[in-house]
Amino acid sequence: MKTITKIIITALIAIILSEIISGVYIDNLWTAIWVAITIAILNVTIKPILIVLTMPITLLTFGFFLLVVNVMVISLADAFVDGFAVRRLYFLVFHYLFVDILL
């Protein structure tokens, strides 16, 4: 139940951010839910692998490179979900930061 609630909250935040940030585009509520589910699946499967592979550069940058890993996850969600588009890299960073702050 906690996971479903978190996915719905993430979807609502994504819709709000698509209205605020001009470079993030989401078609409708169902697309936002699919984006939230996709990001949740990618966070469980791909993100740990990316963290392990980028551990040396993450240590050199004192953890700042984890922002890049999280942006990669959102970029992969952009590639997998139709109806979700992020136009530029800095919009990806803003999207990640806002979602991370609000959750």
PDB file of N, CA and C in Angstrom:
ATOM      1  N   MET A   1       0.815  -1.194   0.000  1.00  0.00           N
ATOM      2  CA  MET A   1       0.000   0.000   0.000  1.00  0.00           C
ATOM      3  C   MET A   1       0.858   1.258   0.000  1.00  0.00           C
ATOM      4  N   LYS A   2       1.977   1.192   0.722  1.00  0.00           N
ATOM      5  CA  LYS A   2       2.872   2.339   0.778  1.00  0.00           C
ATOM      6  C   LYS A   2       3.474   2.632  -0.598  1.00  0.00           C
ATOM      7  N   THR A   3       3.784   1.579  -1.346  1.00  0.00           N
ATOM      8  CA  THR A   3       4.353   1.747  -2.683  1.00  0.00           C
ATOM      9  C   THR A   3       3.347   2.384  -3.633  1.00  0.00           C
ATOM     10  N   ILE A   4       2.102   1.947  -3.561  1.00  0.00           N
ATOM     11  CA  ILE A   4       1.071   2.517  -4.430  1.00  0.00           C
ATOM     12  C   ILE A   4       0.864   3.994  -4.117  1.00  0.00           C
ATOM     13  N   THR A   5       0.851   4.317  -2.837  1.00  0.00           N
ATOM     14  CA  THR A   5       0.696   5.714  -2.437  1.00  0.00           C
ATOM     15  C   THR A   5       1.857   6.557  -2.946  1.00  0.00           C
ATOM     16  N   LYS A   6       3.062   6.029  -2.831  1.00  0.00           N
ATOM     17  CA  LYS A   6       4.235   6.764  -3.300  1.00  0.00           C
ATOM     18  C   LYS A   6       4.205   6.953  -4.813  1.00  0.00           C
ATOM     19  N   ILE A   7       3.743   5.945  -5.558  1.00  0.00           N
ATOM     20  CA  ILE A   7       3.652   6.055  -7.015  1.00  0.00           C
ATOM     21  C   ILE A   7       2.614   7.111  -7.399  1.00  0.00           C
ATOM     22  N   ILE A   8       1.483   7.135  -6.709  1.00  0.00           N
ATOM     23  CA  ILE A   8       0.450   8.132  -7.019  1.00  0.00           C
ATOM     24  C   ILE A   8       0.941   9.537  -6.686  1.00  0.00           C
ATOM     25  N   ILE A   9       1.624   9.688  -5.555  1.00  0.00           N
ATOM     26  CA  ILE A   9       2.161  11.004  -5.191  1.00  0.00           C
ATOM     27  C   ILE A   9       3.216  11.447  -6.198  1.00  0.00           C
ATOM     28  N   THR A  10       4.084  10.524  -6.617  1.00  0.00           N
ATOM     29  CA  THR A  10       5.097  10.850  -7.623  1.00  0.00           C
ATOM     30  C   THR A  10       4.446  11.254  -8.937  1.00  0.00           C
ATOM     31  N   ALA A  11       3.381  10.578  -9.323  1.00  0.00           N
ATOM     32  CA  ALA A  11       2.665  10.921 -10.556  1.00  0.00           C
ATOM     33  C   ALA A  11       2.058  12.312 -10.459  1.00  0.00           C
ATOM     34  N   LEU A  12       1.460  12.635  -9.328  1.00  0.00           N
ATOM     35  CA  LEU A  12       0.873  13.964  -9.154  1.00  0.00           C
ATOM     36  C   LEU A  12       1.936  15.056  -9.157  1.00  0.00           C
ATOM     37  N   ILE A  13       3.070  14.778  -8.508  1.00  0.00           N
ATOM     38  CA  ILE A  13       4.176  15.743  -8.521  1.00  0.00           C
ATOM     39  C   ILE A  13       4.696  15.931  -9.941  1.00  0.00           C
ATOM     40  N   ALA A  14       4.781  14.839 -10.707  1.00  0.00           N
ATOM     41  CA  ALA A  14       5.257  14.935 -12.086  1.00  0.00           C
ATOM     42  C   ALA A  14       4.312  15.786 -12.935  1.00  0.00           C
ATOM     43  N   ILE A  15       3.007  15.642 -12.719  1.00  0.00           N
ATOM     44  CA  ILE A  15       2.054  16.452 -13.470  1.00  0.00           C
ATOM     45  C   ILE A  15       2.192  17.921 -13.094  1.00  0.00           C
ATOM     46  N   ILE A  16       2.317  18.200 -11.805  1.00  0.00           N
ATOM     47  CA  ILE A  16       2.488  19.583 -11.361  1.00  0.00           C
ATOM     48  C   ILE A  16       3.765  20.178 -11.938  1.00  0.00           C
ATOM     49  N   LEU A  17       4.848  19.394 -11.924  1.00  0.00           N
ATOM     50  CA  LEU A  17       6.119  19.891 -12.464  1.00  0.00           C
ATOM     51  C   LEU A  17       6.056  20.100 -13.972  1.00  0.00           C
ATOM     52  N   SER A  18       5.261  19.284 -14.664  1.00  0.00           N
ATOM     53  CA  SER A  18       5.139  19.487 -16.113  1.00  0.00           C
ATOM     54  C   SER A  18       4.420  20.792 -16.421  1.00  0.00           C
ATOM     55  N   GLU A  19       3.586  21.244 -15.489  1.00  0.00           N
ATOM     56  CA  GLU A  19       2.925  22.534 -15.661  1.00  0.00           C
ATOM     57  C   GLU A  19       3.859  23.691 -15.304  1.00  0.00           C
ATOM     58  N   ILE A  20       4.721  23.483 -14.328  1.00  0.00           N
ATOM     59  CA  ILE A  20       5.627  24.540 -13.872  1.00  0.00           C
ATOM     60  C   ILE A  20       6.847  24.673 -14.781  1.00  0.00           C
ATOM     61  N   ILE A  21       7.492  23.550 -15.082  1.00  0.00           N
ATOM     62  CA  ILE A  21       8.705  23.550 -15.895  1.00  0.00           C
ATOM     63  C   ILE A  21       8.306  23.367 -17.352  1.00  0.00           C
ATOM     64  N   SER A  22       8.662  24.316 -18.181  1.00  0.00           N
ATOM     65  CA  SER A  22       8.208  24.286 -19.575  1.00  0.00           C
ATOM     66  C   SER A  22       8.857  23.176 -20.399  1.00  0.00           C
ATOM     67  N   GLY A  23       9.977  22.643 -19.972  1.00  0.00           N
ATOM     68  CA  GLY A  23      10.668  21.625 -20.749  1.00  0.00           C
ATOM     69  C   GLY A  23      10.256  20.204 -20.445  1.00  0.00           C
ATOM     70  N   VAL A  24       9.337  20.023 -19.501  1.00  0.00           N
ATOM     71  CA  VAL A  24       8.842  18.693 -19.148  1.00  0.00           C
ATOM     72  C   VAL A  24       7.419  18.576 -19.657  1.00  0.00           C
ATOM     73  N   TYR A  25       7.144  17.513 -20.410  1.00  0.00           N
ATOM     74  CA  TYR A  25       5.831  17.333 -21.024  1.00  0.00           C
ATOM     75  C   TYR A  25       5.268  15.975 -20.637  1.00  0.00           C
ATOM     76  N   ILE A  26       4.052  15.962 -20.091  1.00  0.00           N
ATOM     77  CA  ILE A  26       3.326  14.734 -19.759  1.00  0.00           C
ATOM     78  C   ILE A  26       1.924  14.864 -20.339  1.00  0.00           C
ATOM     79  N   ASP A  27       1.503  13.837 -21.084  1.00  0.00           N
ATOM     80  CA  ASP A  27       0.196  13.874 -21.749  1.00  0.00           C
ATOM     81  C   ASP A  27      -0.965  13.990 -20.771  1.00  0.00           C
ATOM     82  N   ASN A  28      -1.088  13.004 -19.870  1.00  0.00           N
ATOM     83  CA  ASN A  28      -2.240  12.957 -18.980  1.00  0.00           C
ATOM     84  C   ASN A  28      -1.873  12.236 -17.691  1.00  0.00           C
ATOM     85  N   LEU A  29      -2.877  11.984 -16.858  1.00  0.00           N
ATOM     86  CA  LEU A  29      -2.644  11.344 -15.564  1.00  0.00           C
ATOM     87  C   LEU A  29      -2.116   9.923 -15.721  1.00  0.00           C
ATOM     88  N   TRP A  30      -2.659   9.189 -16.679  1.00  0.00           N
ATOM     89  CA  TRP A  30      -2.208   7.798 -16.869  1.00  0.00           C
ATOM     90  C   TRP A  30      -0.751   7.738 -17.317  1.00  0.00           C
ATOM     91  N   THR A  31      -0.348   8.683 -18.142  1.00  0.00           N
ATOM     92  CA  THR A  31       1.057   8.749 -18.537  1.00  0.00           C
ATOM     93  C   THR A  31       1.925   9.056 -17.326  1.00  0.00           C
ATOM     94  N   ALA A  32       1.468   9.940 -16.470  1.00  0.00           N
ATOM     95  CA  ALA A  32       2.223  10.270 -15.259  1.00  0.00           C
ATOM     96  C   ALA A  32       2.346   9.054 -14.342  1.00  0.00           C
ATOM     97  N   ILE A  33       1.280   8.260 -14.243  1.00  0.00           N
ATOM     98  CA  ILE A  33       1.352   7.041 -13.431  1.00  0.00           C
ATOM     99  C   ILE A  33       2.340   6.055 -14.037  1.00  0.00           C
ATOM    100  N   TRP A  34       2.344   5.920 -15.370  1.00  0.00           N
ATOM    101  CA  TRP A  34       3.309   5.034 -16.022  1.00  0.00           C
ATOM    102  C   TRP A  34       4.738   5.544 -15.839  1.00  0.00           C
ATOM    103  N   VAL A  35       4.917   6.855 -15.849  1.00  0.00           N
ATOM    104  CA  VAL A  35       6.243   7.429 -15.595  1.00  0.00           C
ATOM    105  C   VAL A  35       6.686   7.090 -14.179  1.00  0.00           C
ATOM    106  N   ALA A  36       5.797   7.232 -13.214  1.00  0.00           N
ATOM    107  CA  ALA A  36       6.144   6.922 -11.825  1.00  0.00           C
ATOM    108  C   ALA A  36       6.474   5.446 -11.646  1.00  0.00           C
ATOM    109  N   ILE A  37       5.697   4.570 -12.280  1.00  0.00           N
ATOM    110  CA  ILE A  37       5.969   3.127 -12.198  1.00  0.00           C
ATOM    111  C   ILE A  37       7.302   2.803 -12.863  1.00  0.00           C
ATOM    112  N   THR A  38       7.555   3.408 -14.026  1.00  0.00           N
ATOM    113  CA  THR A  38       8.809   3.154 -14.741  1.00  0.00           C
ATOM    114  C   THR A  38      10.004   3.633 -13.922  1.00  0.00           C
ATOM    115  N   ILE A  39       9.903   4.808 -13.333  1.00  0.00           N
ATOM    116  CA  ILE A  39      11.005   5.314 -12.514  1.00  0.00           C
ATOM    117  C   ILE A  39      11.209   4.422 -11.292  1.00  0.00           C
ATOM    118  N   ALA A  40      10.126   3.930 -10.697  1.00  0.00           N
ATOM    119  CA  ALA A  40      10.253   3.022  -9.554  1.00  0.00           C
ATOM    120  C   ALA A  40      10.956   1.724  -9.951  1.00  0.00           C
ATOM    121  N   ILE A  41      10.591   1.170 -11.100  1.00  0.00           N
ATOM    122  CA  ILE A  41      11.238  -0.064 -11.574  1.00  0.00           C
ATOM    123  C   ILE A  41      12.704   0.183 -11.899  1.00  0.00           C
ATOM    124  N   LEU A  42      12.998   1.306 -12.557  1.00  0.00           N
ATOM    125  CA  LEU A  42      14.385   1.630 -12.880  1.00  0.00           C
ATOM    126  C   LEU A  42      15.213   1.887 -11.617  1.00  0.00           C
ATOM    127  N   ASN A  43      14.598   2.485 -10.602  1.00  0.00           N
ATOM    128  CA  ASN A  43      15.312   2.719  -9.342  1.00  0.00           C
ATOM    129  C   ASN A  43      15.662   1.415  -8.636  1.00  0.00           C
ATOM    130  N   VAL A  44      14.849   0.389  -8.839  1.00  0.00           N
ATOM    131  CA  VAL A  44      15.113  -0.896  -8.198  1.00  0.00           C
ATOM    132  C   VAL A  44      16.104  -1.731  -9.009  1.00  0.00           C
ATOM    133  N   THR A  45      16.058  -1.637 -10.327  1.00  0.00           N
ATOM    134  CA  THR A  45      16.874  -2.516 -11.165  1.00  0.00           C
ATOM    135  C   THR A  45      18.152  -1.865 -11.685  1.00  0.00           C
ATOM    136  N   ILE A  46      18.033  -0.767 -12.379  1.00  0.00           N
ATOM    137  CA  ILE A  46      19.171  -0.158 -13.073  1.00  0.00           C
ATOM    138  C   ILE A  46      20.007   0.739 -12.167  1.00  0.00           C
ATOM    139  N   LYS A  47      19.353   1.489 -11.300  1.00  0.00           N
ATOM    140  CA  LYS A  47      20.070   2.477 -10.486  1.00  0.00           C
ATOM    141  C   LYS A  47      21.158   1.856  -9.601  1.00  0.00           C
ATOM    142  N   PRO A  48      20.918   0.717  -8.924  1.00  0.00           N
ATOM    143  CA  PRO A  48      22.009   0.138  -8.127  1.00  0.00           C
ATOM    144  C   PRO A  48      23.223  -0.264  -8.962  1.00  0.00           C
ATOM    145  N   ILE A  49      22.964  -0.737 -10.179  1.00  0.00           N
ATOM    146  CA  ILE A  49      24.064  -1.109 -11.071  1.00  0.00           C
ATOM    147  C   ILE A  49      24.861   0.133 -11.462  1.00  0.00           C
ATOM    148  N   LEU A  50      24.156   1.202 -11.795  1.00  0.00           N
ATOM    149  CA  LEU A  50      24.839   2.453 -12.151  1.00  0.00           C
ATOM    150  C   LEU A  50      25.626   3.019 -10.973  1.00  0.00           C
ATOM    151  N   ILE A  51      25.083   2.893  -9.770  1.00  0.00           N
ATOM    152  CA  ILE A  51      25.795   3.399  -8.592  1.00  0.00           C
ATOM    153  C   ILE A  51      27.083   2.632  -8.375  1.00  0.00           C
ATOM    154  N   VAL A  52      27.029   1.313  -8.518  1.00  0.00           N
ATOM    155  CA  VAL A  52      28.242   0.507  -8.338  1.00  0.00           C
ATOM    156  C   VAL A  52      29.264   0.816  -9.427  1.00  0.00           C
ATOM    157  N   LEU A  53      28.808   0.954 -10.677  1.00  0.00           N
ATOM    158  CA  LEU A  53      29.737   1.225 -11.771  1.00  0.00           C
ATOM    159  C   LEU A  53      30.378   2.610 -11.678  1.00  0.00           C
ATOM    160  N   THR A  54      29.668   3.564 -11.105  1.00  0.00           N
ATOM    161  CA  THR A  54      30.188   4.927 -11.027  1.00  0.00           C
ATOM    162  C   THR A  54      30.732   5.270  -9.637  1.00  0.00           C
ATOM    163  N   MET A  55      30.965   4.264  -8.811  1.00  0.00           N
ATOM    164  CA  MET A  55      31.431   4.512  -7.451  1.00  0.00           C
ATOM    165  C   MET A  55      32.732   5.315  -7.382  1.00  0.00           C
ATOM    166  N   PRO A  56      33.748   5.019  -8.211  1.00  0.00           N
ATOM    167  CA  PRO A  56      34.988   5.809  -8.109  1.00  0.00           C
ATOM    168  C   PRO A  56      34.774   7.302  -8.378  1.00  0.00           C
ATOM    169  N   ILE A  57      34.028   7.630  -9.422  1.00  0.00           N
ATOM    170  CA  ILE A  57      33.812   9.049  -9.724  1.00  0.00           C
ATOM    171  C   ILE A  57      32.876   9.685  -8.689  1.00  0.00           C
ATOM    172  N   THR A  58      31.972   8.889  -8.117  1.00  0.00           N
ATOM    173  CA  THR A  58      31.103   9.409  -7.062  1.00  0.00           C
ATOM    174  C   THR A  58      31.921   9.754  -5.826  1.00  0.00           C
ATOM    175  N   LEU A  59      32.877   8.923  -5.494  1.00  0.00           N
ATOM    176  CA  LEU A  59      33.732   9.216  -4.347  1.00  0.00           C
ATOM    177  C   LEU A  59      34.613  10.437  -4.606  1.00  0.00           C
ATOM    178  N   LEU A  60      35.106  10.572  -5.827  1.00  0.00           N
ATOM    179  CA  LEU A  60      35.944  11.733  -6.151  1.00  0.00           C
ATOM    180  C   LEU A  60      35.159  13.041  -6.107  1.00  0.00           C
ATOM    181  N   THR A  61      33.872  12.977  -6.433  1.00  0.00           N
ATOM    182  CA  THR A  61      33.060  14.196  -6.438  1.00  0.00           C
ATOM    183  C   THR A  61      32.251  14.342  -5.149  1.00  0.00           C
ATOM    184  N   PHE A  62      32.580  13.542  -4.135  1.00  0.00           N
ATOM    185  CA  PHE A  62      31.905  13.590  -2.839  1.00  0.00           C
ATOM    186  C   PHE A  62      30.398  13.393  -2.957  1.00  0.00           C
ATOM    187  N   GLY A  63      29.976  12.493  -3.826  1.00  0.00           N
ATOM    188  CA  GLY A  63      28.568  12.140  -3.973  1.00  0.00           C
ATOM    189  C   GLY A  63      27.790  12.963  -4.972  1.00  0.00           C
ATOM    190  N   PHE A  64      28.400  14.008  -5.516  1.00  0.00           N
ATOM    191  CA  PHE A  64      27.681  14.867  -6.453  1.00  0.00           C
ATOM    192  C   PHE A  64      27.309  14.126  -7.736  1.00  0.00           C
ATOM    193  N   PHE A  65      28.091  13.120  -8.104  1.00  0.00           N
ATOM    194  CA  PHE A  65      27.823  12.381  -9.337  1.00  0.00           C
ATOM    195  C   PHE A  65      26.535  11.566  -9.240  1.00  0.00           C
ATOM    196  N   LEU A  66      26.015  11.335  -8.031  1.00  0.00           N
ATOM    197  CA  LEU A  66      24.737  10.638  -7.898  1.00  0.00           C
ATOM    198  C   LEU A  66      23.607  11.423  -8.555  1.00  0.00           C
ATOM    199  N   LEU A  67      23.745  12.735  -8.618  1.00  0.00           N
ATOM    200  CA  LEU A  67      22.779  13.553  -9.345  1.00  0.00           C
ATOM    201  C   LEU A  67      22.749  13.143 -10.817  1.00  0.00           C
ATOM    202  N   VAL A  68      23.905  12.884 -11.382  1.00  0.00           N
ATOM    203  CA  VAL A  68      23.994  12.450 -12.777  1.00  0.00           C
ATOM    204  C   VAL A  68      23.339  11.077 -12.947  1.00  0.00           C
ATOM    205  N   VAL A  69      23.549  10.177 -11.994  1.00  0.00           N
ATOM    206  CA  VAL A  69      22.931   8.849 -12.060  1.00  0.00           C
ATOM    207  C   VAL A  69      21.408   8.977 -12.020  1.00  0.00           C
ATOM    208  N   ASN A  70      20.895   9.831 -11.148  1.00  0.00           N
ATOM    209  CA  ASN A  70      19.443  10.025 -11.065  1.00  0.00           C
ATOM    210  C   ASN A  70      18.882  10.661 -12.329  1.00  0.00           C
ATOM    211  N   VAL A  71      19.626  11.553 -12.923  1.00  0.00           N
ATOM    212  CA  VAL A  71      19.207  12.156 -14.190  1.00  0.00           C
ATOM    213  C   VAL A  71      19.199  11.094 -15.295  1.00  0.00           C
ATOM    214  N   MET A  72      20.152  10.164 -15.262  1.00  0.00           N
ATOM    215  CA  MET A  72      20.157   9.068 -16.230  1.00  0.00           C
ATOM    216  C   MET A  72      18.898   8.218 -16.102  1.00  0.00           C
ATOM    217  N   VAL A  73      18.450   7.977 -14.875  1.00  0.00           N
ATOM    218  CA  VAL A  73      17.243   7.186 -14.650  1.00  0.00           C
ATOM    219  C   VAL A  73      16.023   7.900 -15.230  1.00  0.00           C
ATOM    220  N   ILE A  74      15.902   9.191 -15.002  1.00  0.00           N
ATOM    221  CA  ILE A  74      14.772   9.943 -15.563  1.00  0.00           C
ATOM    222  C   ILE A  74      14.860   9.982 -17.085  1.00  0.00           C
ATOM    223  N   SER A  75      16.075  10.068 -17.617  1.00  0.00           N
ATOM    224  CA  SER A  75      16.253  10.056 -19.065  1.00  0.00           C
ATOM    225  C   SER A  75      15.833   8.709 -19.657  1.00  0.00           C
ATOM    226  N   LEU A  76      16.137   7.621 -18.959  1.00  0.00           N
ATOM    227  CA  LEU A  76      15.684   6.305 -19.417  1.00  0.00           C
ATOM    228  C   LEU A  76      14.162   6.203 -19.377  1.00  0.00           C
ATOM    229  N   ALA A  77      13.548   6.771 -18.341  1.00  0.00           N
ATOM    230  CA  ALA A  77      12.083   6.779 -18.274  1.00  0.00           C
ATOM    231  C   ALA A  77      11.510   7.576 -19.435  1.00  0.00           C
ATOM    232  N   ASP A  78      12.191   8.651 -19.799  1.00  0.00           N
ATOM    233  CA  ASP A  78      11.776   9.446 -20.959  1.00  0.00           C
ATOM    234  C   ASP A  78      11.813   8.600 -22.230  1.00  0.00           C
ATOM    235  N   ALA A  79      12.816   7.747 -22.349  1.00  0.00           N
ATOM    236  CA  ALA A  79      12.944   6.905 -23.540  1.00  0.00           C
ATOM    237  C   ALA A  79      11.906   5.781 -23.561  1.00  0.00           C
ATOM    238  N   PHE A  80      11.507   5.293 -22.399  1.00  0.00           N
ATOM    239  CA  PHE A  80      10.606   4.142 -22.334  1.00  0.00           C
ATOM    240  C   PHE A  80       9.123   4.498 -22.401  1.00  0.00           C
ATOM    241  N   VAL A  81       8.738   5.665 -21.917  1.00  0.00           N
ATOM    242  CA  VAL A  81       7.316   6.007 -21.800  1.00  0.00           C
ATOM    243  C   VAL A  81       6.937   7.007 -22.889  1.00  0.00           C
ATOM    244  N   ASP A  82       5.962   6.605 -23.712  1.00  0.00           N
ATOM    245  CA  ASP A  82       5.424   7.533 -24.708  1.00  0.00           C
ATOM    246  C   ASP A  82       4.517   8.533 -23.999  1.00  0.00           C
ATOM    247  N   GLY A  83       4.577   9.772 -24.428  1.00  0.00           N
ATOM    248  CA  GLY A  83       3.776  10.801 -23.796  1.00  0.00           C
ATOM    249  C   GLY A  83       4.505  11.531 -22.685  1.00  0.00           C
ATOM    250  N   PHE A  84       5.738  11.137 -22.415  1.00  0.00           N
ATOM    251  CA  PHE A  84       6.576  11.815 -21.424  1.00  0.00           C
ATOM    252  C   PHE A  84       7.832  12.266 -22.138  1.00  0.00           C
ATOM    253  N   ALA A  85       8.100  13.552 -22.074  1.00  0.00           N
ATOM    254  CA  ALA A  85       9.268  14.088 -22.766  1.00  0.00           C
ATOM    255  C   ALA A  85       9.929  15.162 -21.910  1.00  0.00           C
ATOM    256  N   VAL A  86      11.248  15.117 -21.887  1.00  0.00           N
ATOM    257  CA  VAL A  86      12.039  16.146 -21.234  1.00  0.00           C
ATOM    258  C   VAL A  86      12.984  16.682 -22.302  1.00  0.00           C
ATOM    259  N   ARG A  87      12.888  17.979 -22.586  1.00  0.00           N
ATOM    260  CA  ARG A  87      13.578  18.537 -23.751  1.00  0.00           C
ATOM    261  C   ARG A  87      15.075  18.738 -23.566  1.00  0.00           C
ATOM    262  N   ARG A  88      15.522  19.210 -22.428  1.00  0.00           N
ATOM    263  CA  ARG A  88      16.935  19.544 -22.231  1.00  0.00           C
ATOM    264  C   ARG A  88      17.451  18.921 -20.941  1.00  0.00           C
ATOM    265  N   LEU A  89      18.758  18.839 -20.831  1.00  0.00           N
ATOM    266  CA  LEU A  89      19.394  18.236 -19.664  1.00  0.00           C
ATOM    267  C   LEU A  89      19.079  19.007 -18.390  1.00  0.00           C
ATOM    268  N   TYR A  90      19.091  20.323 -18.451  1.00  0.00           N
ATOM    269  CA  TYR A  90      18.840  21.080 -17.228  1.00  0.00           C
ATOM    270  C   TYR A  90      17.394  20.932 -16.770  1.00  0.00           C
ATOM    271  N   PHE A  91      16.454  20.647 -17.680  1.00  0.00           N
ATOM    272  CA  PHE A  91      15.092  20.355 -17.254  1.00  0.00           C
ATOM    273  C   PHE A  91      15.041  19.016 -16.507  1.00  0.00           C
ATOM    274  N   LEU A  92      15.871  18.062 -16.940  1.00  0.00           N
ATOM    275  CA  LEU A  92      15.970  16.791 -16.219  1.00  0.00           C
ATOM    276  C   LEU A  92      16.465  17.018 -14.797  1.00  0.00           C
ATOM    277  N   VAL A  93      17.480  17.866 -14.653  1.00  0.00           N
ATOM    278  CA  VAL A  93      18.033  18.158 -13.327  1.00  0.00           C
ATOM    279  C   VAL A  93      16.986  18.838 -12.457  1.00  0.00           C
ATOM    280  N   PHE A  94      16.287  19.837 -13.006  1.00  0.00           N
ATOM    281  CA  PHE A  94      15.241  20.516 -12.238  1.00  0.00           C
ATOM    282  C   PHE A  94      14.140  19.546 -11.834  1.00  0.00           C
ATOM    283  N   HIS A  95      13.734  18.682 -12.763  1.00  0.00           N
ATOM    284  CA  HIS A  95      12.686  17.709 -12.475  1.00  0.00           C
ATOM    285  C   HIS A  95      13.121  16.799 -11.343  1.00  0.00           C
ATOM    286  N   TYR A  96      14.340  16.277 -11.412  1.00  0.00           N
ATOM    287  CA  TYR A  96      14.823  15.399 -10.353  1.00  0.00           C
ATOM    288  C   TYR A  96      14.891  16.126  -9.017  1.00  0.00           C
ATOM    289  N   LEU A  97      15.429  17.328  -8.999  1.00  0.00           N
ATOM    290  CA  LEU A  97      15.580  18.063  -7.746  1.00  0.00           C
ATOM    291  C   LEU A  97      14.231  18.360  -7.098  1.00  0.00           C
ATOM    292  N   PHE A  98      13.259  18.775  -7.895  1.00  0.00           N
ATOM    293  CA  PHE A  98      11.939  19.069  -7.336  1.00  0.00           C
ATOM    294  C   PHE A  98      11.251  17.825  -6.797  1.00  0.00           C
ATOM    295  N   VAL A  99      11.338  16.712  -7.537  1.00  0.00           N
ATOM    296  CA  VAL A  99      10.731  15.473  -7.061  1.00  0.00           C
ATOM    297  C   VAL A  99      11.438  15.010  -5.785  1.00  0.00           C
ATOM    298  N   ASP A 100      12.747  15.111  -5.751  1.00  0.00           N
ATOM    299  CA  ASP A 100      13.495  14.689  -4.572  1.00  0.00           C
ATOM    300  C   ASP A 100      13.171  15.563  -3.366  1.00  0.00           C
ATOM    301  N   ILE A 101      13.019  16.843  -3.565  1.00  0.00           N
ATOM    302  CA  ILE A 101      12.687  17.741  -2.454  1.00  0.00           C
ATOM    303  C   ILE A 101      11.271  17.500  -1.955  1.00  0.00           C
ATOM    304  N   LEU A 102      10.323  17.289  -2.876  1.00  0.00           N
ATOM    305  CA  LEU A 102       8.934  17.109  -2.472  1.00  0.00           C
ATOM    306  C   LEU A 102       8.647  15.743  -1.881  1.00  0.00           C
ATOM    307  N   LEU A 103       9.436  14.735  -2.216  1.00  0.00           N
ATOM    308  CA  LEU A 103       9.230  13.417  -1.619  1.00  0.00           C
ATOM    309  C   LEU A 103      10.145  13.294  -0.442  1.00  0.00           C
TER     310      LEU A 103
END
